[in-house]
């Protein structure tokens, strides 16, 4: 297998390679490992290039193989670059000639002025001195410098205020300085690693090489939105939502310590406390419940009586950063933030 095709195939997940093998008609691929499946696919696609090269989903594979034959786009770009360089060189020569002529004229003028000054040195010096605006005293110089510095400082402060950087910074800090924001950020971090597994990338198009810049062809991959119509996406996606948000939120709502805990110095009845809880879902209970559920599902393989799919659990456990231990680390962070927030509120 060539290095170019090996690179394209190696970038694909095994699930994507299996889908590709089924689509092109490769036989007996189910028991192959990923490396062996790449080799089998490379040989099969090479032998059936005449029949399969027109398929859009294989464009990345055949484009990478055809790079070794050379790119007419690169040749045309190189010719255009040579013509542009020649045109720029002609412009530079004309500019140098024009500036040389102008400099010669200025030198001639300066020579004439020097001759006049030599003939009448006293009058020439007095005329030059009269044209130079000198301050009356050193104090005037210091005051002028201070005024310039103050004006520059005021202008810089005005530009900073008008830019709105301070307001945006404070608004961003206020938005991120909450327990809910930290929980959402931890969930988003998990989602970044889970997305390629449940919504795999597919070859979309190739950005052509630019010879002038020396850049090669760049294949662009985008999420395969057709997977939204298959259980391959929905089964693991719903499993992650259930274990990371739905079930922990359920426990956090019904085991809400903030709903019955009165504020310091302001005792209140249980009915009033329940009517105005600090959080609808207790973040500390949410974090503890998520840690327990994640350990049972991803660490011990619990499926809640077959409600969850073993395959989906395995895919999520291998996709998330650090496996279920990475999820437990995230719950430890959110739990610590929730505890600290509760201390500050009391």
C-alpha atoms as a PDB file:
ATOM      1  CA  UNK A   1       0.000   0.000   0.000  1.00  0.00           C
ATOM      2  CA  UNK A   2       1.406   3.390  -0.972  1.00  0.00           C
ATOM      3  CA  UNK A   3       2.172   6.011   1.612  1.00  0.00           C
ATOM      4  CA  UNK A   4      -0.442   8.417   0.213  1.00  0.00           C
ATOM      5  CA  UNK A   5      -3.320   5.906   0.220  1.00  0.00           C
ATOM      6  CA  UNK A   6      -2.099   4.502   3.549  1.00  0.00           C
ATOM      7  CA  UNK A   7      -2.357   8.034   5.006  1.00  0.00           C
ATOM      8  CA  UNK A   8      -5.948   8.480   3.811  1.00  0.00           C
ATOM      9  CA  UNK A   9      -7.090   5.082   4.987  1.00  0.00           C
ATOM     10  CA  UNK A  10      -5.222   5.353   8.290  1.00  0.00           C
ATOM     11  CA  UNK A  11      -7.126   8.599   9.058  1.00  0.00           C
ATOM     12  CA  UNK A  12     -10.425   6.660   9.000  1.00  0.00           C
ATOM     13  CA  UNK A  13     -11.889   4.919  12.069  1.00  0.00           C
ATOM     14  CA  UNK A  14     -12.405   1.181  11.931  1.00  0.00           C
ATOM     15  CA  UNK A  15     -16.165   1.686  11.905  1.00  0.00           C
ATOM     16  CA  UNK A  16     -15.812   3.955   8.856  1.00  0.00           C
ATOM     17  CA  UNK A  17     -13.523   1.404   7.140  1.00  0.00           C
ATOM     18  CA  UNK A  18     -16.087  -1.332   7.806  1.00  0.00           C
ATOM     19  CA  UNK A  19     -18.845   0.800   6.279  1.00  0.00           C
ATOM     20  CA  UNK A  20     -16.628   1.490   3.269  1.00  0.00           C
ATOM     21  CA  UNK A  21     -15.786  -2.193   2.841  1.00  0.00           C
ATOM     22  CA  UNK A  22     -19.468  -3.125   2.862  1.00  0.00           C
ATOM     23  CA  UNK A  23     -20.333  -0.371   0.393  1.00  0.00           C
ATOM     24  CA  UNK A  24     -17.680  -1.280  -2.209  1.00  0.00           C
ATOM     25  CA  UNK A  25     -18.358  -5.012  -1.910  1.00  0.00           C
ATOM     26  CA  UNK A  26     -15.266  -6.293  -0.066  1.00  0.00           C
ATOM     27  CA  UNK A  27     -15.821  -9.831   1.217  1.00  0.00           C
ATOM     28  CA  UNK A  28     -14.779 -11.464   4.516  1.00  0.00           C
ATOM     29  CA  UNK A  29     -13.701  -8.234   6.199  1.00  0.00           C
ATOM     30  CA  UNK A  30     -15.628  -8.590   9.473  1.00  0.00           C
ATOM     31  CA  UNK A  31     -12.869 -10.420  11.418  1.00  0.00           C
ATOM     32  CA  UNK A  32      -9.980  -8.291  10.146  1.00  0.00           C
ATOM     33  CA  UNK A  33      -8.079  -5.926  12.424  1.00  0.00           C
ATOM     34  CA  UNK A  34      -7.893  -2.257  11.454  1.00  0.00           C
ATOM     35  CA  UNK A  35      -4.383  -2.539   9.896  1.00  0.00           C
ATOM     36  CA  UNK A  36      -5.331  -5.657   7.912  1.00  0.00           C
ATOM     37  CA  UNK A  37      -8.595  -4.032   6.845  1.00  0.00           C
ATOM     38  CA  UNK A  38      -6.641  -0.993   5.538  1.00  0.00           C
ATOM     39  CA  UNK A  39      -4.398  -3.299   3.471  1.00  0.00           C
ATOM     40  CA  UNK A  40      -7.336  -5.284   2.088  1.00  0.00           C
ATOM     41  CA  UNK A  41      -9.207  -2.122   1.159  1.00  0.00           C
ATOM     42  CA  UNK A  42      -6.140  -0.596  -0.527  1.00  0.00           C
ATOM     43  CA  UNK A  43      -5.635  -3.679  -2.726  1.00  0.00           C
ATOM     44  CA  UNK A  44      -9.349  -3.935  -3.548  1.00  0.00           C
ATOM     45  CA  UNK A  45      -9.708  -0.242  -4.440  1.00  0.00           C
ATOM     46  CA  UNK A  46      -6.566  -0.347  -6.606  1.00  0.00           C
ATOM     47  CA  UNK A  47      -7.793  -3.380  -8.553  1.00  0.00           C
ATOM     48  CA  UNK A  48     -11.272  -1.867  -9.055  1.00  0.00           C
ATOM     49  CA  UNK A  49     -10.195   1.729  -9.748  1.00  0.00           C
ATOM     50  CA  UNK A  50     -12.026   1.872 -13.096  1.00  0.00           C
ATOM     51  CA  UNK A  51     -15.333   0.990 -11.447  1.00  0.00           C
ATOM     52  CA  UNK A  52     -15.005   2.866  -8.134  1.00  0.00           C
ATOM     53  CA  UNK A  53     -12.995   6.019  -8.912  1.00  0.00           C
ATOM     54  CA  UNK A  54     -16.179   7.941  -9.803  1.00  0.00           C
ATOM     55  CA  UNK A  55     -17.649   7.558  -6.303  1.00  0.00           C
ATOM     56  CA  UNK A  56     -17.532  10.849  -4.350  1.00  0.00           C
ATOM     57  CA  UNK A  57     -16.840   9.157  -1.007  1.00  0.00           C
ATOM     58  CA  UNK A  58     -13.623   7.652  -2.473  1.00  0.00           C
ATOM     59  CA  UNK A  59     -12.368  10.919  -3.966  1.00  0.00           C
ATOM     60  CA  UNK A  60      -9.950  11.446  -1.047  1.00  0.00           C
ATOM     61  CA  UNK A  61      -8.407   8.006  -1.638  1.00  0.00           C
ATOM     62  CA  UNK A  62      -7.925   8.366  -5.410  1.00  0.00           C
ATOM     63  CA  UNK A  63      -6.840  12.029  -5.127  1.00  0.00           C
ATOM     64  CA  UNK A  64      -4.079  11.067  -2.704  1.00  0.00           C
ATOM     65  CA  UNK A  65      -2.884   8.315  -5.101  1.00  0.00           C
ATOM     66  CA  UNK A  66      -2.844  10.675  -8.082  1.00  0.00           C
ATOM     67  CA  UNK A  67      -0.595  13.295  -6.405  1.00  0.00           C
ATOM     68  CA  UNK A  68       2.532  11.409  -7.463  1.00  0.00           C
ATOM     69  CA  UNK A  69       1.627  11.997 -11.157  1.00  0.00           C
ATOM     70  CA  UNK A  70       1.917  15.785 -10.773  1.00  0.00           C
ATOM     71  CA  UNK A  71      -0.736  18.551 -10.744  1.00  0.00           C
ATOM     72  CA  UNK A  72      -1.466  20.763 -13.734  1.00  0.00           C
ATOM     73  CA  UNK A  73      -2.752  23.334 -11.306  1.00  0.00           C
ATOM     74  CA  UNK A  74       0.712  23.533  -9.780  1.00  0.00           C
ATOM     75  CA  UNK A  75       2.341  23.970 -13.217  1.00  0.00           C
ATOM     76  CA  UNK A  76      -0.061  26.710 -14.224  1.00  0.00           C
ATOM     77  CA  UNK A  77       0.438  28.444 -10.906  1.00  0.00           C
ATOM     78  CA  UNK A  78       4.238  28.274 -11.331  1.00  0.00           C
ATOM     79  CA  UNK A  79       4.010  29.798 -14.836  1.00  0.00           C
ATOM     80  CA  UNK A  80       1.772  32.550 -13.569  1.00  0.00           C
ATOM     81  CA  UNK A  81       4.146  33.195 -10.695  1.00  0.00           C
ATOM     82  CA  UNK A  82       7.104  33.510 -13.111  1.00  0.00           C
ATOM     83  CA  UNK A  83       5.216  36.032 -15.247  1.00  0.00           C
ATOM     84  CA  UNK A  84       4.271  38.005 -12.133  1.00  0.00           C
ATOM     85  CA  UNK A  85       7.897  38.036 -10.956  1.00  0.00           C
ATOM     86  CA  UNK A  86       9.085  39.339 -14.378  1.00  0.00           C
ATOM     87  CA  UNK A  87       6.449  42.084 -14.336  1.00  0.00           C
ATOM     88  CA  UNK A  88       7.449  43.091 -10.788  1.00  0.00           C
ATOM     89  CA  UNK A  89      11.112  43.178 -11.827  1.00  0.00           C
ATOM     90  CA  UNK A  90      10.304  45.552 -14.693  1.00  0.00           C
ATOM     91  CA  UNK A  91       8.416  47.834 -12.343  1.00  0.00           C
ATOM     92  CA  UNK A  92      11.328  47.846  -9.884  1.00  0.00           C
ATOM     93  CA  UNK A  93      13.811  48.808 -12.645  1.00  0.00           C
ATOM     94  CA  UNK A  94      11.584  51.703 -13.790  1.00  0.00           C
ATOM     95  CA  UNK A  95      11.150  52.898 -10.213  1.00  0.00           C
ATOM     96  CA  UNK A  96      14.911  52.794  -9.561  1.00  0.00           C
ATOM     97  CA  UNK A  97      15.599  54.810 -12.719  1.00  0.00           C
ATOM     98  CA  UNK A  98      12.972  57.408 -11.817  1.00  0.00           C
ATOM     99  CA  UNK A  99      14.316  57.771  -8.277  1.00  0.00           C
ATOM    100  CA  UNK A 100      17.896  58.016  -9.545  1.00  0.00           C
ATOM    101  CA  UNK A 101      16.925  60.880 -11.881  1.00  0.00           C
ATOM    102  CA  UNK A 102      15.100  62.669  -9.071  1.00  0.00           C
ATOM    103  CA  UNK A 103      18.045  62.206  -6.712  1.00  0.00           C
ATOM    104  CA  UNK A 104      20.437  63.648  -9.312  1.00  0.00           C
ATOM    105  CA  UNK A 105      18.229  66.720  -9.650  1.00  0.00           C
ATOM    106  CA  UNK A 106      18.104  67.166  -5.869  1.00  0.00           C
ATOM    107  CA  UNK A 107      21.885  66.850  -5.607  1.00  0.00           C
ATOM    108  CA  UNK A 108      22.285  69.503  -8.292  1.00  0.00           C
ATOM    109  CA  UNK A 109      19.993  71.836  -6.353  1.00  0.00           C
ATOM    110  CA  UNK A 110      21.887  71.230  -3.135  1.00  0.00           C
ATOM    111  CA  UNK A 111      25.179  71.970  -4.886  1.00  0.00           C
ATOM    112  CA  UNK A 112      23.762  75.289  -6.132  1.00  0.00           C
ATOM    113  CA  UNK A 113      22.537  76.112  -2.614  1.00  0.00           C
ATOM    114  CA  UNK A 114      25.942  75.244  -1.155  1.00  0.00           C
ATOM    115  CA  UNK A 115      27.675  77.535  -3.628  1.00  0.00           C
ATOM    116  CA  UNK A 116      25.372  80.379  -2.619  1.00  0.00           C
ATOM    117  CA  UNK A 117      26.045  79.724   1.066  1.00  0.00           C
ATOM    118  CA  UNK A 118      29.794  79.762   0.523  1.00  0.00           C
ATOM    119  CA  UNK A 119      29.509  83.095  -1.211  1.00  0.00           C
ATOM    120  CA  UNK A 120      27.344  84.648   1.581  1.00  0.00           C
ATOM    121  CA  UNK A 121      27.862  82.471   4.720  1.00  0.00           C
ATOM    122  CA  UNK A 122      26.588  84.944   7.314  1.00  0.00           C
ATOM    123  CA  UNK A 123      23.275  85.617   5.633  1.00  0.00           C
ATOM    124  CA  UNK A 124      22.682  81.901   4.923  1.00  0.00           C
ATOM    125  CA  UNK A 125      23.221  80.875   8.544  1.00  0.00           C
ATOM    126  CA  UNK A 126      20.868  83.563   9.826  1.00  0.00           C
ATOM    127  CA  UNK A 127      18.152  82.461   7.403  1.00  0.00           C
ATOM    128  CA  UNK A 128      18.488  78.799   8.491  1.00  0.00           C
ATOM    129  CA  UNK A 129      18.386  79.723  12.195  1.00  0.00           C
ATOM    130  CA  UNK A 130      15.280  81.825  11.682  1.00  0.00           C
ATOM    131  CA  UNK A 131      13.419  78.867  10.146  1.00  0.00           C
ATOM    132  CA  UNK A 132      14.107  76.537  13.150  1.00  0.00           C
ATOM    133  CA  UNK A 133      11.443  76.957  15.928  1.00  0.00           C
ATOM    134  CA  UNK A 134      13.448  76.733  19.168  1.00  0.00           C
ATOM    135  CA  UNK A 135      11.839  76.874  22.669  1.00  0.00           C
ATOM    136  CA  UNK A 136      12.538  79.878  24.782  1.00  0.00           C
ATOM    137  CA  UNK A 137      13.722  77.941  27.883  1.00  0.00           C
ATOM    138  CA  UNK A 138      14.323  74.303  29.015  1.00  0.00           C
ATOM    139  CA  UNK A 139      11.121  74.546  31.049  1.00  0.00           C
ATOM    140  CA  UNK A 140       9.171  75.102  27.849  1.00  0.00           C
ATOM    141  CA  UNK A 141      10.696  71.896  26.450  1.00  0.00           C
ATOM    142  CA  UNK A 142       9.641  69.920  29.541  1.00  0.00           C
ATOM    143  CA  UNK A 143       6.116  71.336  29.399  1.00  0.00           C
ATOM    144  CA  UNK A 144       5.779  70.444  25.711  1.00  0.00           C
ATOM    145  CA  UNK A 145       6.858  66.854  26.407  1.00  0.00           C
ATOM    146  CA  UNK A 146       4.400  66.583  29.311  1.00  0.00           C
ATOM    147  CA  UNK A 147       1.533  67.902  27.194  1.00  0.00           C
ATOM    148  CA  UNK A 148       2.299  65.397  24.403  1.00  0.00           C
ATOM    149  CA  UNK A 149       2.512  62.501  26.865  1.00  0.00           C
ATOM    150  CA  UNK A 150      -0.759  63.477  28.551  1.00  0.00           C
ATOM    151  CA  UNK A 151      -2.534  63.778  25.198  1.00  0.00           C
ATOM    152  CA  UNK A 152      -1.330  60.322  24.108  1.00  0.00           C
ATOM    153  CA  UNK A 153      -2.419  58.800  27.431  1.00  0.00           C
ATOM    154  CA  UNK A 154      -5.899  60.320  27.178  1.00  0.00           C
ATOM    155  CA  UNK A 155      -6.248  59.120  23.601  1.00  0.00           C
ATOM    156  CA  UNK A 156      -5.210  55.569  24.509  1.00  0.00           C
ATOM    157  CA  UNK A 157      -7.665  55.532  27.445  1.00  0.00           C
ATOM    158  CA  UNK A 158     -10.445  56.809  25.191  1.00  0.00           C
ATOM    159  CA  UNK A 159      -9.815  54.104  22.590  1.00  0.00           C
ATOM    160  CA  UNK A 160      -9.800  51.406  25.297  1.00  0.00           C
ATOM    161  CA  UNK A 161     -13.116  52.626  26.776  1.00  0.00           C
ATOM    162  CA  UNK A 162     -14.799  52.876  23.377  1.00  0.00           C
ATOM    163  CA  UNK A 163     -13.699  49.352  22.405  1.00  0.00           C
ATOM    164  CA  UNK A 164     -15.894  47.841  25.142  1.00  0.00           C
ATOM    165  CA  UNK A 165     -13.172  45.375  26.207  1.00  0.00           C
ATOM    166  CA  UNK A 166     -13.837  45.999  29.907  1.00  0.00           C
ATOM    167  CA  UNK A 167     -17.583  45.308  29.622  1.00  0.00           C
ATOM    168  CA  UNK A 168     -17.032  42.152  27.581  1.00  0.00           C
ATOM    169  CA  UNK A 169     -14.386  40.908  30.013  1.00  0.00           C
ATOM    170  CA  UNK A 170     -16.624  41.457  33.043  1.00  0.00           C
ATOM    171  CA  UNK A 171     -19.637  39.872  31.318  1.00  0.00           C
ATOM    172  CA  UNK A 172     -17.561  36.821  30.351  1.00  0.00           C
ATOM    173  CA  UNK A 173     -16.211  36.484  33.888  1.00  0.00           C
ATOM    174  CA  UNK A 174     -19.705  36.712  35.396  1.00  0.00           C
ATOM    175  CA  UNK A 175     -21.030  34.091  32.966  1.00  0.00           C
ATOM    176  CA  UNK A 176     -18.224  31.607  33.669  1.00  0.00           C
ATOM    177  CA  UNK A 177     -18.123  32.160  37.452  1.00  0.00           C
ATOM    178  CA  UNK A 178     -21.080  29.881  38.168  1.00  0.00           C
ATOM    179  CA  UNK A 179     -21.392  26.206  39.036  1.00  0.00           C
ATOM    180  CA  UNK A 180     -23.760  25.620  36.114  1.00  0.00           C
ATOM    181  CA  UNK A 181     -21.215  27.092  33.688  1.00  0.00           C
ATOM    182  CA  UNK A 182     -18.501  24.764  35.031  1.00  0.00           C
ATOM    183  CA  UNK A 183     -20.813  21.743  34.665  1.00  0.00           C
ATOM    184  CA  UNK A 184     -21.618  22.724  31.072  1.00  0.00           C
ATOM    185  CA  UNK A 185     -17.930  23.231  30.250  1.00  0.00           C
ATOM    186  CA  UNK A 186     -17.082  19.765  31.589  1.00  0.00           C
ATOM    187  CA  UNK A 187     -19.920  18.296  29.523  1.00  0.00           C
ATOM    188  CA  UNK A 188     -18.711  20.181  26.441  1.00  0.00           C
ATOM    189  CA  UNK A 189     -15.198  18.780  26.963  1.00  0.00           C
ATOM    190  CA  UNK A 190     -16.618  15.251  26.966  1.00  0.00           C
ATOM    191  CA  UNK A 191     -18.683  16.020  23.861  1.00  0.00           C
ATOM    192  CA  UNK A 192     -15.607  17.199  21.927  1.00  0.00           C
ATOM    193  CA  UNK A 193     -14.133  13.690  22.154  1.00  0.00           C
ATOM    194  CA  UNK A 194     -17.432  11.815  21.762  1.00  0.00           C
ATOM    195  CA  UNK A 195     -18.586  13.660  18.601  1.00  0.00           C
ATOM    196  CA  UNK A 196     -16.064  12.044  16.168  1.00  0.00           C
ATOM    197  CA  UNK A 197     -17.160   8.614  17.426  1.00  0.00           C
ATOM    198  CA  UNK A 198     -20.924   9.080  17.092  1.00  0.00           C
ATOM    199  CA  UNK A 199     -20.799  11.483  14.106  1.00  0.00           C
ATOM    200  CA  UNK A 200     -17.739  10.453  12.090  1.00  0.00           C
ATOM    201  CA  UNK A 201     -16.037  12.731   9.591  1.00  0.00           C
ATOM    202  CA  UNK A 202     -16.343  12.108   5.854  1.00  0.00           C
ATOM    203  CA  UNK A 203     -14.350  13.501   2.947  1.00  0.00           C
ATOM    204  CA  UNK A 204     -16.133  16.608   1.613  1.00  0.00           C
ATOM    205  CA  UNK A 205     -13.796  18.318  -0.865  1.00  0.00           C
ATOM    206  CA  UNK A 206     -10.164  19.185  -1.544  1.00  0.00           C
ATOM    207  CA  UNK A 207      -8.619  22.638  -1.372  1.00  0.00           C
ATOM    208  CA  UNK A 208      -6.316  22.780  -4.443  1.00  0.00           C
ATOM    209  CA  UNK A 209      -2.583  23.312  -4.039  1.00  0.00           C
ATOM    210  CA  UNK A 210      -1.228  26.837  -4.453  1.00  0.00           C
ATOM    211  CA  UNK A 211       2.159  26.733  -6.123  1.00  0.00           C
ATOM    212  CA  UNK A 212       2.957  30.361  -5.304  1.00  0.00           C
ATOM    213  CA  UNK A 213       2.552  29.665  -1.586  1.00  0.00           C
ATOM    214  CA  UNK A 214       4.002  26.165  -1.759  1.00  0.00           C
ATOM    215  CA  UNK A 215       0.939  24.542  -0.160  1.00  0.00           C
ATOM    216  CA  UNK A 216      -0.142  21.000  -1.132  1.00  0.00           C
ATOM    217  CA  UNK A 217      -3.645  19.712  -1.801  1.00  0.00           C
ATOM    218  CA  UNK A 218      -5.614  19.768   1.453  1.00  0.00           C
ATOM    219  CA  UNK A 219      -8.558  17.360   1.868  1.00  0.00           C
ATOM    220  CA  UNK A 220     -11.407  18.744   3.987  1.00  0.00           C
ATOM    221  CA  UNK A 221     -13.496  16.420   6.146  1.00  0.00           C
ATOM    222  CA  UNK A 222     -16.909  17.299   7.607  1.00  0.00           C
ATOM    223  CA  UNK A 223     -19.290  15.413   9.937  1.00  0.00           C
ATOM    224  CA  UNK A 224     -21.420  12.868   8.076  1.00  0.00           C
ATOM    225  CA  UNK A 225     -24.907  14.251   8.762  1.00  0.00           C
ATOM    226  CA  UNK A 226     -26.525  11.175   7.186  1.00  0.00           C
ATOM    227  CA  UNK A 227     -25.582   9.271  10.356  1.00  0.00           C
ATOM    228  CA  UNK A 228     -28.347  11.206  12.105  1.00  0.00           C
ATOM    229  CA  UNK A 229     -30.750   8.865  10.329  1.00  0.00           C
ATOM    230  CA  UNK A 230     -29.155   5.713  11.777  1.00  0.00           C
ATOM    231  CA  UNK A 231     -29.041   4.006  15.165  1.00  0.00           C
ATOM    232  CA  UNK A 232     -25.250   4.178  14.973  1.00  0.00           C
ATOM    233  CA  UNK A 233     -25.606   7.812  16.090  1.00  0.00           C
ATOM    234  CA  UNK A 234     -28.694   7.813  18.284  1.00  0.00           C
ATOM    235  CA  UNK A 235     -27.883   4.791  20.443  1.00  0.00           C
ATOM    236  CA  UNK A 236     -24.563   6.109  21.885  1.00  0.00           C
ATOM    237  CA  UNK A 237     -25.765   9.730  21.835  1.00  0.00           C
ATOM    238  CA  UNK A 238     -28.841   8.974  23.937  1.00  0.00           C
ATOM    239  CA  UNK A 239     -26.757   6.768  26.234  1.00  0.00           C
ATOM    240  CA  UNK A 240     -24.372   9.656  26.926  1.00  0.00           C
ATOM    241  CA  UNK A 241     -27.206  12.163  27.494  1.00  0.00           C
ATOM    242  CA  UNK A 242     -28.965   9.725  29.833  1.00  0.00           C
ATOM    243  CA  UNK A 243     -25.902   8.948  31.961  1.00  0.00           C
ATOM    244  CA  UNK A 244     -24.349  12.433  31.943  1.00  0.00           C
ATOM    245  CA  UNK A 245     -27.407  14.691  32.317  1.00  0.00           C
ATOM    246  CA  UNK A 246     -30.854  13.061  32.603  1.00  0.00           C
ATOM    247  CA  UNK A 247     -30.206  10.596  35.446  1.00  0.00           C
ATOM    248  CA  UNK A 248     -27.902  12.927  37.478  1.00  0.00           C
ATOM    249  CA  UNK A 249     -30.417  15.780  37.043  1.00  0.00           C
ATOM    250  CA  UNK A 250     -33.186  13.494  38.296  1.00  0.00           C
ATOM    251  CA  UNK A 251     -31.294  12.780  41.532  1.00  0.00           C
ATOM    252  CA  UNK A 252     -30.176  16.413  41.803  1.00  0.00           C
ATOM    253  CA  UNK A 253     -33.782  17.605  41.653  1.00  0.00           C
ATOM    254  CA  UNK A 254     -35.252  15.232  44.232  1.00  0.00           C
ATOM    255  CA  UNK A 255     -32.222  15.233  46.562  1.00  0.00           C
ATOM    256  CA  UNK A 256     -31.854  19.024  46.581  1.00  0.00           C
ATOM    257  CA  UNK A 257     -30.202  20.036  49.866  1.00  0.00           C
ATOM    258  CA  UNK A 258     -30.321  23.735  48.950  1.00  0.00           C
ATOM    259  CA  UNK A 259     -34.126  23.605  48.788  1.00  0.00           C
ATOM    260  CA  UNK A 260     -34.454  22.949  52.554  1.00  0.00           C
ATOM    261  CA  UNK A 261     -31.334  24.635  53.933  1.00  0.00           C
ATOM    262  CA  UNK A 262     -32.015  28.164  55.359  1.00  0.00           C
ATOM    263  CA  UNK A 263     -29.487  30.958  54.829  1.00  0.00           C
ATOM    264  CA  UNK A 264     -27.258  31.977  57.763  1.00  0.00           C
ATOM    265  CA  UNK A 265     -28.948  34.573  59.991  1.00  0.00           C
ATOM    266  CA  UNK A 266     -32.294  34.244  58.175  1.00  0.00           C
ATOM    267  CA  UNK A 267     -34.171  31.147  59.447  1.00  0.00           C
ATOM    268  CA  UNK A 268     -37.130  30.159  57.361  1.00  0.00           C
ATOM    269  CA  UNK A 269     -39.722  27.425  57.322  1.00  0.00           C
ATOM    270  CA  UNK A 270     -39.484  24.303  55.218  1.00  0.00           C
ATOM    271  CA  UNK A 271     -42.303  25.509  52.980  1.00  0.00           C
ATOM    272  CA  UNK A 272     -40.590  28.838  52.248  1.00  0.00           C
ATOM    273  CA  UNK A 273     -37.231  27.119  51.676  1.00  0.00           C
ATOM    274  CA  UNK A 274     -38.771  24.680  49.207  1.00  0.00           C
ATOM    275  CA  UNK A 275     -40.434  27.509  47.344  1.00  0.00           C
ATOM    276  CA  UNK A 276     -37.173  29.425  46.800  1.00  0.00           C
ATOM    277  CA  UNK A 277     -34.253  26.985  46.463  1.00  0.00           C
ATOM    278  CA  UNK A 278     -30.826  28.228  45.455  1.00  0.00           C
ATOM    279  CA  UNK A 279     -30.775  25.704  42.578  1.00  0.00           C
ATOM    280  CA  UNK A 280     -33.574  23.795  40.888  1.00  0.00           C
ATOM    281  CA  UNK A 281     -31.092  20.908  40.518  1.00  0.00           C
ATOM    282  CA  UNK A 282     -28.567  20.613  43.335  1.00  0.00           C
ATOM    283  CA  UNK A 283     -25.131  20.747  41.592  1.00  0.00           C
ATOM    284  CA  UNK A 284     -23.372  18.734  44.319  1.00  0.00           C
ATOM    285  CA  UNK A 285     -25.931  15.933  44.190  1.00  0.00           C
ATOM    286  CA  UNK A 286     -25.792  16.113  40.368  1.00  0.00           C
ATOM    287  CA  UNK A 287     -22.003  15.616  40.420  1.00  0.00           C
ATOM    288  CA  UNK A 288     -22.134  12.732  42.929  1.00  0.00           C
ATOM    289  CA  UNK A 289     -24.914  10.993  40.984  1.00  0.00           C
ATOM    290  CA  UNK A 290     -23.067  11.417  37.675  1.00  0.00           C
ATOM    291  CA  UNK A 291     -19.885   9.964  39.172  1.00  0.00           C
ATOM    292  CA  UNK A 292     -21.779   6.919  40.518  1.00  0.00           C
ATOM    293  CA  UNK A 293     -23.724   6.333  37.281  1.00  0.00           C
ATOM    294  CA  UNK A 294     -20.598   6.716  35.118  1.00  0.00           C
ATOM    295  CA  UNK A 295     -18.666   4.242  37.264  1.00  0.00           C
ATOM    296  CA  UNK A 296     -21.463   1.667  37.098  1.00  0.00           C
ATOM    297  CA  UNK A 297     -22.143   2.042  33.362  1.00  0.00           C
ATOM    298  CA  UNK A 298     -18.702   2.662  31.854  1.00  0.00           C
ATOM    299  CA  UNK A 299     -16.583   1.007  34.543  1.00  0.00           C
ATOM    300  CA  UNK A 300     -18.720  -2.015  35.433  1.00  0.00           C
ATOM    301  CA  UNK A 301     -20.835  -2.408  32.270  1.00  0.00           C
ATOM    302  CA  UNK A 302     -24.224  -1.999  33.983  1.00  0.00           C
ATOM    303  CA  UNK A 303     -26.999  -1.702  31.369  1.00  0.00           C
ATOM    304  CA  UNK A 304     -29.953  -1.097  33.740  1.00  0.00           C
ATOM    305  CA  UNK A 305     -31.695  -4.289  32.734  1.00  0.00           C
ATOM    306  CA  UNK A 306     -30.844  -4.033  29.034  1.00  0.00           C
ATOM    307  CA  UNK A 307     -31.985  -0.423  28.713  1.00  0.00           C
ATOM    308  CA  UNK A 308     -28.514   0.573  27.503  1.00  0.00           C
ATOM    309  CA  UNK A 309     -26.610  -1.076  24.661  1.00  0.00           C
ATOM    310  CA  UNK A 310     -23.310  -2.833  25.439  1.00  0.00           C
ATOM    311  CA  UNK A 311     -21.922  -1.670  22.091  1.00  0.00           C
ATOM    312  CA  UNK A 312     -22.832   1.950  22.778  1.00  0.00           C
ATOM    313  CA  UNK A 313     -21.236   1.780  26.237  1.00  0.00           C
ATOM    314  CA  UNK A 314     -17.997   0.388  24.787  1.00  0.00           C
ATOM    315  CA  UNK A 315     -17.901   3.060  22.054  1.00  0.00           C
ATOM    316  CA  UNK A 316     -18.393   5.886  24.551  1.00  0.00           C
ATOM    317  CA  UNK A 317     -15.885   4.495  27.048  1.00  0.00           C
ATOM    318  CA  UNK A 318     -13.210   4.312  24.332  1.00  0.00           C
ATOM    319  CA  UNK A 319     -14.049   7.714  22.867  1.00  0.00           C
ATOM    320  CA  UNK A 320     -14.178   9.950  25.956  1.00  0.00           C
ATOM    321  CA  UNK A 321     -10.828  11.329  27.137  1.00  0.00           C
ATOM    322  CA  UNK A 322      -9.389   9.032  29.817  1.00  0.00           C
ATOM    323  CA  UNK A 323     -12.322   6.620  29.663  1.00  0.00           C
ATOM    324  CA  UNK A 324     -14.690   6.513  32.612  1.00  0.00           C
ATOM    325  CA  UNK A 325     -11.849   7.761  34.835  1.00  0.00           C
ATOM    326  CA  UNK A 326     -11.837  10.960  32.802  1.00  0.00           C
ATOM    327  CA  UNK A 327     -15.579  11.351  33.483  1.00  0.00           C
ATOM    328  CA  UNK A 328     -14.969  10.783  37.201  1.00  0.00           C
ATOM    329  CA  UNK A 329     -12.299  13.502  37.135  1.00  0.00           C
ATOM    330  CA  UNK A 330     -14.820  15.912  35.607  1.00  0.00           C
ATOM    331  CA  UNK A 331     -17.401  15.089  38.296  1.00  0.00           C
ATOM    332  CA  UNK A 332     -14.750  15.669  40.978  1.00  0.00           C
ATOM    333  CA  UNK A 333     -14.120  19.146  39.544  1.00  0.00           C
ATOM    334  CA  UNK A 334     -17.822  20.059  39.408  1.00  0.00           C
ATOM    335  CA  UNK A 335     -18.425  18.574  42.863  1.00  0.00           C
ATOM    336  CA  UNK A 336     -15.583  20.611  44.369  1.00  0.00           C
ATOM    337  CA  UNK A 337     -16.887  23.774  42.672  1.00  0.00           C
ATOM    338  CA  UNK A 338     -20.399  23.052  44.005  1.00  0.00           C
ATOM    339  CA  UNK A 339     -19.082  22.568  47.543  1.00  0.00           C
ATOM    340  CA  UNK A 340     -17.070  25.790  47.361  1.00  0.00           C
ATOM    341  CA  UNK A 341     -20.090  27.689  46.025  1.00  0.00           C
ATOM    342  CA  UNK A 342     -22.232  26.363  48.904  1.00  0.00           C
ATOM    343  CA  UNK A 343     -19.625  27.504  51.438  1.00  0.00           C
ATOM    344  CA  UNK A 344     -19.556  30.997  49.934  1.00  0.00           C
ATOM    345  CA  UNK A 345     -23.349  31.238  50.044  1.00  0.00           C
ATOM    346  CA  UNK A 346     -23.505  30.417  53.742  1.00  0.00           C
END
